[in-house]
Each structure stands twice: as structure tokens, then as C-alpha cells.
Amino acid sequence: MSPTIKYTLGRIGLFVVVLAALWPLEIDIFIKLMIALLASAGFSYFLLRGWRDQMANQMSAAAERRKAEKERLRAALAGEDAASEGRKPPAGSSE
């Protein structure tokens, strides 16, 4: 399973667990949701550190692949431009 999916499901799961723990309290639902959101964010910082690091590594590797592909394409385009500069202009051209 992708690290991004694992981390996202872990965050959602923590939110649901905290919200379920707050459900019996006699407070407004909006307050319960806000407390659950903040508490699950805090818990995920400590409990999901490994999955967060895996996701960050995956995203970093993807960014490096995109950067390398972009550089490869730029080099290929520069090579085509350099080759066309060495050609003679077509007959009848004003160049």
C-alpha cells in the first residue's frame, strides 16, 4: 500500500477515534469536531511519524524523478535547436 494512502487513512482513523471518544459529551457538535481535529493532528505527529517519513521520502523521490525528466527533455530540446542552427537556410530565403 502506498505510504500516502497509509498516512491519510491513519489520520482519518485517528480523527474518528477521537471523535468517538468525545461523542458522549454534552457539547456542541462543532466544538466536538474542532477538538477532534486538533487532538488527532497532535496525536498523528507522534503516532504516525514513520508513515509520515515514508510519505515524505516517496514525494521527494517523485520530485527528483520529475526534475531529472525535465532536465532530460530540456537537454533534448537544446540538442535539436543546436542541430538546426548549423543548417543552411532554405533556398529563396532572405536569411
PDB file of N, CA and C in Angstrom:
ATOM      1  N   MET A   1       0.843  -1.167   0.000  1.00  0.00           N
ATOM      2  CA  MET A   1       0.000   0.000   0.000  1.00  0.00           C
ATOM      3  C   MET A   1       0.894   1.238   0.000  1.00  0.00           C
ATOM      4  N   SER A   2       0.475   2.233  -0.710  1.00  0.00           N
ATOM      5  CA  SER A   2       1.232   3.469  -0.830  1.00  0.00           C
ATOM      6  C   SER A   2       1.364   4.159   0.533  1.00  0.00           C
ATOM      7  N   PRO A   3       2.542   4.717   0.827  1.00  0.00           N
ATOM      8  CA  PRO A   3       2.712   5.441   2.086  1.00  0.00           C
ATOM      9  C   PRO A   3       1.736   6.615   2.232  1.00  0.00           C
ATOM     10  N   THR A   4       1.393   7.242   1.135  1.00  0.00           N
ATOM     11  CA  THR A   4       0.448   8.359   1.183  1.00  0.00           C
ATOM     12  C   THR A   4      -0.931   7.885   1.611  1.00  0.00           C
ATOM     13  N   ILE A   5      -1.353   6.752   1.087  1.00  0.00           N
ATOM     14  CA  ILE A   5      -2.666   6.207   1.453  1.00  0.00           C
ATOM     15  C   ILE A   5      -2.661   5.758   2.910  1.00  0.00           C
ATOM     16  N   LYS A   6      -1.576   5.086   3.330  1.00  0.00           N
ATOM     17  CA  LYS A   6      -1.491   4.649   4.727  1.00  0.00           C
ATOM     18  C   LYS A   6      -1.567   5.839   5.677  1.00  0.00           C
ATOM     19  N   TYR A   7      -0.813   6.888   5.390  1.00  0.00           N
ATOM     20  CA  TYR A   7      -0.787   8.057   6.278  1.00  0.00           C
ATOM     21  C   TYR A   7      -2.150   8.747   6.292  1.00  0.00           C
ATOM     22  N   THR A   8      -2.766   8.895   5.130  1.00  0.00           N
ATOM     23  CA  THR A   8      -4.081   9.542   5.058  1.00  0.00           C
ATOM     24  C   THR A   8      -5.120   8.738   5.830  1.00  0.00           C
ATOM     25  N   LEU A   9      -5.141   7.432   5.637  1.00  0.00           N
ATOM     26  CA  LEU A   9      -6.088   6.591   6.376  1.00  0.00           C
ATOM     27  C   LEU A   9      -5.804   6.613   7.875  1.00  0.00           C
ATOM     28  N   GLY A  10      -4.541   6.695   8.238  1.00  0.00           N
ATOM     29  CA  GLY A  10      -4.179   6.795   9.649  1.00  0.00           C
ATOM     30  C   GLY A  10      -4.686   8.093  10.268  1.00  0.00           C
ATOM     31  N   ARG A  11      -4.539   9.196   9.535  1.00  0.00           N
ATOM     32  CA  ARG A  11      -5.049  10.481  10.035  1.00  0.00           C
ATOM     33  C   ARG A  11      -6.559  10.454  10.178  1.00  0.00           C
ATOM     34  N   ILE A  12      -7.248   9.915   9.194  1.00  0.00           N
ATOM     35  CA  ILE A  12      -8.711   9.826   9.263  1.00  0.00           C
ATOM     36  C   ILE A  12      -9.129   8.917  10.424  1.00  0.00           C
ATOM     37  N   GLY A  13      -8.427   7.799  10.585  1.00  0.00           N
ATOM     38  CA  GLY A  13      -8.729   6.879  11.672  1.00  0.00           C
ATOM     39  C   GLY A  13      -8.557   7.524  13.038  1.00  0.00           C
ATOM     40  N   LEU A  14      -7.470   8.272  13.224  1.00  0.00           N
ATOM     41  CA  LEU A  14      -7.273   8.969  14.494  1.00  0.00           C
ATOM     42  C   LEU A  14      -8.379   9.977  14.747  1.00  0.00           C
ATOM     43  N   PHE A  15      -8.794  10.694  13.713  1.00  0.00           N
ATOM     44  CA  PHE A  15      -9.874  11.662  13.858  1.00  0.00           C
ATOM     45  C   PHE A  15     -11.162  10.969  14.306  1.00  0.00           C
ATOM     46  N   VAL A  16     -11.471   9.858  13.678  1.00  0.00           N
ATOM     47  CA  VAL A  16     -12.697   9.124  14.022  1.00  0.00           C
ATOM     48  C   VAL A  16     -12.627   8.599  15.457  1.00  0.00           C
ATOM     49  N   VAL A  17     -11.473   8.096  15.870  1.00  0.00           N
ATOM     50  CA  VAL A  17     -11.328   7.569  17.229  1.00  0.00           C
ATOM     51  C   VAL A  17     -11.518   8.682  18.261  1.00  0.00           C
ATOM     52  N   VAL A  18     -10.886   9.825  18.034  1.00  0.00           N
ATOM     53  CA  VAL A  18     -11.026  10.938  18.979  1.00  0.00           C
ATOM     54  C   VAL A  18     -12.462  11.447  18.987  1.00  0.00           C
ATOM     55  N   LEU A  19     -13.082  11.543  17.819  1.00  0.00           N
ATOM     56  CA  LEU A  19     -14.474  11.999  17.759  1.00  0.00           C
ATOM     57  C   LEU A  19     -15.394  11.021  18.480  1.00  0.00           C
ATOM     58  N   ALA A  20     -15.161   9.735  18.338  1.00  0.00           N
ATOM     59  CA  ALA A  20     -15.972   8.732  19.029  1.00  0.00           C
ATOM     60  C   ALA A  20     -15.801   8.850  20.548  1.00  0.00           C
ATOM     61  N   ALA A  21     -14.596   9.190  20.984  1.00  0.00           N
ATOM     62  CA  ALA A  21     -14.365   9.360  22.424  1.00  0.00           C
ATOM     63  C   ALA A  21     -15.079  10.599  22.954  1.00  0.00           C
ATOM     64  N   LEU A  22     -15.222  11.613  22.107  1.00  0.00           N
ATOM     65  CA  LEU A  22     -15.889  12.850  22.528  1.00  0.00           C
ATOM     66  C   LEU A  22     -17.410  12.796  22.369  1.00  0.00           C
ATOM     67  N   TRP A  23     -17.906  11.838  21.628  1.00  0.00           N
ATOM     68  CA  TRP A  23     -19.331  11.788  21.284  1.00  0.00           C
ATOM     69  C   TRP A  23     -20.272  11.833  22.492  1.00  0.00           C
ATOM     70  N   PRO A  24     -19.988  11.108  23.577  1.00  0.00           N
ATOM     71  CA  PRO A  24     -20.929  11.123  24.712  1.00  0.00           C
ATOM     72  C   PRO A  24     -20.986  12.470  25.462  1.00  0.00           C
ATOM     73  N   LEU A  25     -20.030  13.338  25.272  1.00  0.00           N
ATOM     74  CA  LEU A  25     -20.020  14.616  25.977  1.00  0.00           C
ATOM     75  C   LEU A  25     -21.164  15.508  25.511  1.00  0.00           C
ATOM     76  N   GLU A  26     -21.692  16.282  26.438  1.00  0.00           N
ATOM     77  CA  GLU A  26     -22.804  17.188  26.138  1.00  0.00           C
ATOM     78  C   GLU A  26     -22.296  18.561  25.703  1.00  0.00           C
ATOM     79  N   ILE A  27     -21.650  18.602  24.536  1.00  0.00           N
ATOM     80  CA  ILE A  27     -21.205  19.886  23.976  1.00  0.00           C
ATOM     81  C   ILE A  27     -21.634  19.944  22.523  1.00  0.00           C
ATOM     82  N   ASP A  28     -21.569  21.136  21.961  1.00  0.00           N
ATOM     83  CA  ASP A  28     -21.971  21.354  20.575  1.00  0.00           C
ATOM     84  C   ASP A  28     -21.154  20.471  19.622  1.00  0.00           C
ATOM     85  N   ILE A  29     -21.787  19.985  18.572  1.00  0.00           N
ATOM     86  CA  ILE A  29     -21.115  19.099  17.603  1.00  0.00           C
ATOM     87  C   ILE A  29     -19.936  19.805  16.934  1.00  0.00           C
ATOM     88  N   PHE A  30     -20.074  21.099  16.678  1.00  0.00           N
ATOM     89  CA  PHE A  30     -18.987  21.852  16.053  1.00  0.00           C
ATOM     90  C   PHE A  30     -17.757  21.871  16.967  1.00  0.00           C
ATOM     91  N   ILE A  31     -17.972  22.050  18.243  1.00  0.00           N
ATOM     92  CA  ILE A  31     -16.867  22.038  19.207  1.00  0.00           C
ATOM     93  C   ILE A  31     -16.221  20.655  19.252  1.00  0.00           C
ATOM     94  N   LYS A  32     -17.042  19.607  19.226  1.00  0.00           N
ATOM     95  CA  LYS A  32     -16.505  18.240  19.202  1.00  0.00           C
ATOM     96  C   LYS A  32     -15.627  18.023  17.974  1.00  0.00           C
ATOM     97  N   LEU A  33     -16.107  18.486  16.822  1.00  0.00           N
ATOM     98  CA  LEU A  33     -15.339  18.313  15.584  1.00  0.00           C
ATOM     99  C   LEU A  33     -14.013  19.069  15.645  1.00  0.00           C
ATOM    100  N   MET A  34     -14.036  20.274  16.168  1.00  0.00           N
ATOM    101  CA  MET A  34     -12.802  21.065  16.250  1.00  0.00           C
ATOM    102  C   MET A  34     -11.798  20.432  17.228  1.00  0.00           C
ATOM    103  N   ILE A  35     -12.294  19.970  18.374  1.00  0.00           N
ATOM    104  CA  ILE A  35     -11.410  19.308  19.340  1.00  0.00           C
ATOM    105  C   ILE A  35     -10.835  18.029  18.728  1.00  0.00           C
ATOM    106  N   ALA A  36     -11.680  17.262  18.038  1.00  0.00           N
ATOM    107  CA  ALA A  36     -11.214  16.022  17.409  1.00  0.00           C
ATOM    108  C   ALA A  36     -10.167  16.313  16.341  1.00  0.00           C
ATOM    109  N   LEU A  37     -10.369  17.375  15.584  1.00  0.00           N
ATOM    110  CA  LEU A  37      -9.411  17.746  14.542  1.00  0.00           C
ATOM    111  C   LEU A  37      -8.063  18.112  15.152  1.00  0.00           C
ATOM    112  N   LEU A  38      -8.085  18.963  16.160  1.00  0.00           N
ATOM    113  CA  LEU A  38      -6.828  19.392  16.781  1.00  0.00           C
ATOM    114  C   LEU A  38      -6.136  18.249  17.521  1.00  0.00           C
ATOM    115  N   ALA A  39      -6.902  17.460  18.251  1.00  0.00           N
ATOM    116  CA  ALA A  39      -6.310  16.344  19.003  1.00  0.00           C
ATOM    117  C   ALA A  39      -5.738  15.287  18.057  1.00  0.00           C
ATOM    118  N   SER A  40      -6.465  14.977  16.986  1.00  0.00           N
ATOM    119  CA  SER A  40      -5.954  13.959  16.057  1.00  0.00           C
ATOM    120  C   SER A  40      -4.704  14.457  15.338  1.00  0.00           C
ATOM    121  N   ALA A  41      -4.611  15.759  15.085  1.00  0.00           N
ATOM    122  CA  ALA A  41      -3.391  16.309  14.471  1.00  0.00           C
ATOM    123  C   ALA A  41      -2.211  16.150  15.428  1.00  0.00           C
ATOM    124  N   GLY A  42      -2.441  16.436  16.691  1.00  0.00           N
ATOM    125  CA  GLY A  42      -1.375  16.275  17.682  1.00  0.00           C
ATOM    126  C   GLY A  42      -0.950  14.829  17.848  1.00  0.00           C
ATOM    127  N   PHE A  43      -1.930  13.932  17.938  1.00  0.00           N
ATOM    128  CA  PHE A  43      -1.606  12.511  18.074  1.00  0.00           C
ATOM    129  C   PHE A  43      -0.871  11.983  16.842  1.00  0.00           C
ATOM    130  N   SER A  44      -1.282  12.436  15.665  1.00  0.00           N
ATOM    131  CA  SER A  44      -0.646  11.931  14.448  1.00  0.00           C
ATOM    132  C   SER A  44       0.802  12.371  14.351  1.00  0.00           C
ATOM    133  N   TYR A  45       1.119  13.523  14.937  1.00  0.00           N
ATOM    134  CA  TYR A  45       2.504  13.994  14.914  1.00  0.00           C
ATOM    135  C   TYR A  45       3.429  12.975  15.572  1.00  0.00           C
ATOM    136  N   PHE A  46       2.962  12.363  16.642  1.00  0.00           N
ATOM    137  CA  PHE A  46       3.787  11.393  17.363  1.00  0.00           C
ATOM    138  C   PHE A  46       3.544   9.959  16.905  1.00  0.00           C
ATOM    139  N   LEU A  47       2.284   9.598  16.695  1.00  0.00           N
ATOM    140  CA  LEU A  47       1.948   8.198  16.417  1.00  0.00           C
ATOM    141  C   LEU A  47       2.205   7.787  14.962  1.00  0.00           C
ATOM    142  N   LEU A  48       2.126   8.728  14.045  1.00  0.00           N
ATOM    143  CA  LEU A  48       2.265   8.383  12.621  1.00  0.00           C
ATOM    144  C   LEU A  48       3.568   8.901  12.022  1.00  0.00           C
ATOM    145  N   ARG A  49       4.577   9.103  12.857  1.00  0.00           N
ATOM    146  CA  ARG A  49       5.852   9.656  12.382  1.00  0.00           C
ATOM    147  C   ARG A  49       6.488   8.794  11.283  1.00  0.00           C
ATOM    148  N   GLY A  50       6.479   7.475  11.480  1.00  0.00           N
ATOM    149  CA  GLY A  50       7.094   6.581  10.493  1.00  0.00           C
ATOM    150  C   GLY A  50       6.401   6.660   9.141  1.00  0.00           C
ATOM    151  N   TRP A  51       5.084   6.645   9.148  1.00  0.00           N
ATOM    152  CA  TRP A  51       4.343   6.727   7.886  1.00  0.00           C
ATOM    153  C   TRP A  51       4.526   8.092   7.230  1.00  0.00           C
ATOM    154  N   ARG A  52       4.609   9.144   8.054  1.00  0.00           N
ATOM    155  CA  ARG A  52       4.815  10.485   7.504  1.00  0.00           C
ATOM    156  C   ARG A  52       6.188  10.573   6.841  1.00  0.00           C
ATOM    157  N   ASP A  53       7.202   9.985   7.468  1.00  0.00           N
ATOM    158  CA  ASP A  53       8.544   9.982   6.883  1.00  0.00           C
ATOM    159  C   ASP A  53       8.573   9.182   5.580  1.00  0.00           C
ATOM    160  N   GLN A  54       7.876   8.036   5.557  1.00  0.00           N
ATOM    161  CA  GLN A  54       7.810   7.249   4.325  1.00  0.00           C
ATOM    162  C   GLN A  54       7.141   8.050   3.210  1.00  0.00           C
ATOM    163  N   MET A  55       6.061   8.757   3.548  1.00  0.00           N
ATOM    164  CA  MET A  55       5.354   9.552   2.554  1.00  0.00           C
ATOM    165  C   MET A  55       6.246  10.693   2.042  1.00  0.00           C
ATOM    166  N   ALA A  56       6.979  11.330   2.948  1.00  0.00           N
ATOM    167  CA  ALA A  56       7.885  12.411   2.550  1.00  0.00           C
ATOM    168  C   ALA A  56       8.983  11.888   1.624  1.00  0.00           C
ATOM    169  N   ASN A  57       9.514  10.706   1.932  1.00  0.00           N
ATOM    170  CA  ASN A  57      10.543  10.114   1.065  1.00  0.00           C
ATOM    171  C   ASN A  57       9.985   9.785  -0.315  1.00  0.00           C
ATOM    172  N   GLN A  58       8.756   9.259  -0.345  1.00  0.00           N
ATOM    173  CA  GLN A  58       8.122   8.944  -1.620  1.00  0.00           C
ATOM    174  C   GLN A  58       7.916  10.213  -2.449  1.00  0.00           C
ATOM    175  N   MET A  59       7.446  11.275  -1.802  1.00  0.00           N
ATOM    176  CA  MET A  59       7.208  12.533  -2.512  1.00  0.00           C
ATOM    177  C   MET A  59       8.525  13.147  -2.996  1.00  0.00           C
ATOM    178  N   SER A  60       9.573  13.027  -2.187  1.00  0.00           N
ATOM    179  CA  SER A  60      10.883  13.544  -2.569  1.00  0.00           C
ATOM    180  C   SER A  60      11.435  12.785  -3.782  1.00  0.00           C
ATOM    181  N   ALA A  61      11.275  11.468  -3.768  1.00  0.00           N
ATOM    182  CA  ALA A  61      11.754  10.661  -4.902  1.00  0.00           C
ATOM    183  C   ALA A  61      10.985  11.010  -6.174  1.00  0.00           C
ATOM    184  N   ALA A  62       9.683  11.231  -6.048  1.00  0.00           N
ATOM    185  CA  ALA A  62       8.880  11.604  -7.215  1.00  0.00           C
ATOM    186  C   ALA A  62       9.316  12.967  -7.748  1.00  0.00           C
ATOM    187  N   ALA A  63       9.618  13.898  -6.852  1.00  0.00           N
ATOM    188  CA  ALA A  63      10.072  15.221  -7.285  1.00  0.00           C
ATOM    189  C   ALA A  63      11.417  15.123  -7.999  1.00  0.00           C
ATOM    190  N   GLU A  64      12.301  14.281  -7.503  1.00  0.00           N
ATOM    191  CA  GLU A  64      13.603  14.084  -8.152  1.00  0.00           C
ATOM    192  C   GLU A  64      13.431  13.472  -9.542  1.00  0.00           C
ATOM    193  N   ARG A  65      12.508  12.496  -9.665  1.00  0.00           N
ATOM    194  CA  ARG A  65      12.263  11.893 -10.985  1.00  0.00           C
ATOM    195  C   ARG A  65      11.726  12.937 -11.958  1.00  0.00           C
ATOM    196  N   ARG A  66      10.794  13.771 -11.490  1.00  0.00           N
ATOM    197  CA  ARG A  66      10.247  14.821 -12.365  1.00  0.00           C
ATOM    198  C   ARG A  66      11.325  15.808 -12.771  1.00  0.00           C
ATOM    199  N   LYS A  67      12.198  16.163 -11.828  1.00  0.00           N
ATOM    200  CA  LYS A  67      13.282  17.102 -12.127  1.00  0.00           C
ATOM    201  C   LYS A  67      14.247  16.510 -13.154  1.00  0.00           C
ATOM    202  N   ALA A  68      14.596  15.238 -12.987  1.00  0.00           N
ATOM    203  CA  ALA A  68      15.506  14.580 -13.929  1.00  0.00           C
ATOM    204  C   ALA A  68      14.869  14.488 -15.315  1.00  0.00           C
ATOM    205  N   GLU A  69      13.573  14.164 -15.360  1.00  0.00           N
ATOM    206  CA  GLU A  69      12.878  14.085 -16.649  1.00  0.00           C
ATOM    207  C   GLU A  69      12.811  15.456 -17.317  1.00  0.00           C
ATOM    208  N   LYS A  70      12.580  16.479 -16.542  1.00  0.00           N
ATOM    209  CA  LYS A  70      12.526  17.842 -17.073  1.00  0.00           C
ATOM    210  C   LYS A  70      13.885  18.244 -17.658  1.00  0.00           C
ATOM    211  N   GLU A  71      14.964  17.924 -16.930  1.00  0.00           N
ATOM    212  CA  GLU A  71      16.304  18.234 -17.423  1.00  0.00           C
ATOM    213  C   GLU A  71      16.619  17.442 -18.695  1.00  0.00           C
ATOM    214  N   ARG A  72      16.177  16.175 -18.732  1.00  0.00           N
ATOM    215  CA  ARG A  72      16.411  15.360 -19.922  1.00  0.00           C
ATOM    216  C   ARG A  72      15.690  15.950 -21.127  1.00  0.00           C
ATOM    217  N   LEU A  73      14.455  16.378 -20.919  1.00  0.00           N
ATOM    218  CA  LEU A  73      13.696  16.976 -22.012  1.00  0.00           C
ATOM    219  C   LEU A  73      14.306  18.300 -22.457  1.00  0.00           C
ATOM    220  N   ARG A  74      14.771  19.104 -21.516  1.00  0.00           N
ATOM    221  CA  ARG A  74      15.422  20.366 -21.874  1.00  0.00           C
ATOM    222  C   ARG A  74      16.687  20.120 -22.677  1.00  0.00           C
ATOM    223  N   ALA A  75      17.453  19.106 -22.269  1.00  0.00           N
ATOM    224  CA  ALA A  75      18.681  18.781 -22.996  1.00  0.00           C
ATOM    225  C   ALA A  75      18.356  18.301 -24.405  1.00  0.00           C
ATOM    226  N   ALA A  76      17.298  17.516 -24.543  1.00  0.00           N
ATOM    227  CA  ALA A  76      16.905  17.026 -25.862  1.00  0.00           C
ATOM    228  C   ALA A  76      16.463  18.187 -26.743  1.00  0.00           C
ATOM    229  N   LEU A  77      15.712  19.108 -26.186  1.00  0.00           N
ATOM    230  CA  LEU A  77      15.284  20.273 -26.962  1.00  0.00           C
ATOM    231  C   LEU A  77      16.463  21.161 -27.324  1.00  0.00           C
ATOM    232  N   ALA A  78      17.398  21.322 -26.437  1.00  0.00           N
ATOM    233  CA  ALA A  78      18.585  22.121 -26.728  1.00  0.00           C
ATOM    234  C   ALA A  78      19.410  21.460 -27.822  1.00  0.00           C
ATOM    235  N   GLY A  79      19.458  20.149 -27.841  1.00  0.00           N
ATOM    236  CA  GLY A  79      20.196  19.436 -28.889  1.00  0.00           C
ATOM    237  C   GLY A  79      19.543  19.633 -30.238  1.00  0.00           C
ATOM    238  N   GLU A  80      18.218  19.637 -30.306  1.00  0.00           N
ATOM    239  CA  GLU A  80      17.522  19.874 -31.573  1.00  0.00           C
ATOM    240  C   GLU A  80      17.750  21.294 -32.049  1.00  0.00           C
ATOM    241  N   ASP A  81      17.738  22.249 -31.130  1.00  0.00           N
ATOM    242  CA  ASP A  81      17.973  23.641 -31.504  1.00  0.00           C
ATOM    243  C   ASP A  81      19.393  23.836 -32.005  1.00  0.00           C
ATOM    244  N   ALA A  82      20.370  23.195 -31.369  1.00  0.00           N
ATOM    245  CA  ALA A  82      21.769  23.323 -31.788  1.00  0.00           C
ATOM    246  C   ALA A  82      21.959  22.715 -33.175  1.00  0.00           C
ATOM    247  N   ALA A  83      21.287  21.608 -33.462  1.00  0.00           N
ATOM    248  CA  ALA A  83      21.419  20.973 -34.773  1.00  0.00           C
ATOM    249  C   ALA A  83      20.791  21.843 -35.854  1.00  0.00           C
ATOM    250  N   SER A  84      19.697  22.492 -35.569  1.00  0.00           N
ATOM    251  CA  SER A  84      19.040  23.304 -36.587  1.00  0.00           C
ATOM    252  C   SER A  84      19.798  24.593 -36.852  1.00  0.00           C
ATOM    253  N   GLU A  85      20.602  25.076 -35.905  1.00  0.00           N
ATOM    254  CA  GLU A  85      21.389  26.285 -36.122  1.00  0.00           C
ATOM    255  C   GLU A  85      22.506  26.046 -37.132  1.00  0.00           C
ATOM    256  N   GLY A  86      22.992  24.821 -37.251  1.00  0.00           N
ATOM    257  CA  GLY A  86      24.073  24.504 -38.169  1.00  0.00           C
ATOM    258  C   GLY A  86      23.612  24.323 -39.607  1.00  0.00           C
ATOM    259  N   ARG A  87      22.330  24.203 -39.862  1.00  0.00           N
ATOM    260  CA  ARG A  87      21.809  24.010 -41.214  1.00  0.00           C
ATOM    261  C   ARG A  87      21.777  25.314 -41.995  1.00  0.00           C
ATOM    262  N   LYS A  88      21.845  25.162 -43.300  1.00  0.00           N
ATOM    263  CA  LYS A  88      21.713  26.318 -44.173  1.00  0.00           C
ATOM    264  C   LYS A  88      20.251  26.655 -44.326  1.00  0.00           C
ATOM    265  N   PRO A  89      19.910  27.930 -44.448  1.00  0.00           N
ATOM    266  CA  PRO A  89      18.511  28.289 -44.669  1.00  0.00           C
ATOM    267  C   PRO A  89      18.047  27.773 -46.033  1.00  0.00           C
ATOM    268  N   PRO A  90      16.758  27.513 -46.204  1.00  0.00           N
ATOM    269  CA  PRO A  90      16.254  27.026 -47.476  1.00  0.00           C
ATOM    270  C   PRO A  90      16.486  28.040 -48.608  1.00  0.00           C
ATOM    271  N   ALA A  91      16.575  27.546 -49.816  1.00  0.00           N
ATOM    272  CA  ALA A  91      16.787  28.404 -50.981  1.00  0.00           C
ATOM    273  C   ALA A  91      15.640  29.385 -51.108  1.00  0.00           C
ATOM    274  N   GLY A  92      15.956  30.636 -51.472  1.00  0.00           N
ATOM    275  CA  GLY A  92      14.931  31.653 -51.630  1.00  0.00           C
ATOM    276  C   GLY A  92      14.606  32.366 -50.335  1.00  0.00           C
ATOM    277  N   SER A  93      15.297  32.019 -49.300  1.00  0.00           N
ATOM    278  CA  SER A  93      15.052  32.651 -48.002  1.00  0.00           C
ATOM    279  C   SER A  93      15.877  33.932 -47.905  1.00  0.00           C
ATOM    280  N   SER A  94      15.416  34.891 -47.144  1.00  0.00           N
ATOM    281  CA  SER A  94      16.130  36.164 -47.022  1.00  0.00           C
ATOM    282  C   SER A  94      17.186  36.118 -45.934  1.00  0.00           C
ATOM    283  N   GLU A  95      17.401  35.007 -45.301  1.00  0.00           N
ATOM    284  CA  GLU A  95      18.402  34.927 -44.224  1.00  0.00           C
ATOM    285  C   GLU A  95      19.764  34.803 -44.764  1.00  0.00           C
TER     286      GLU A  95
END
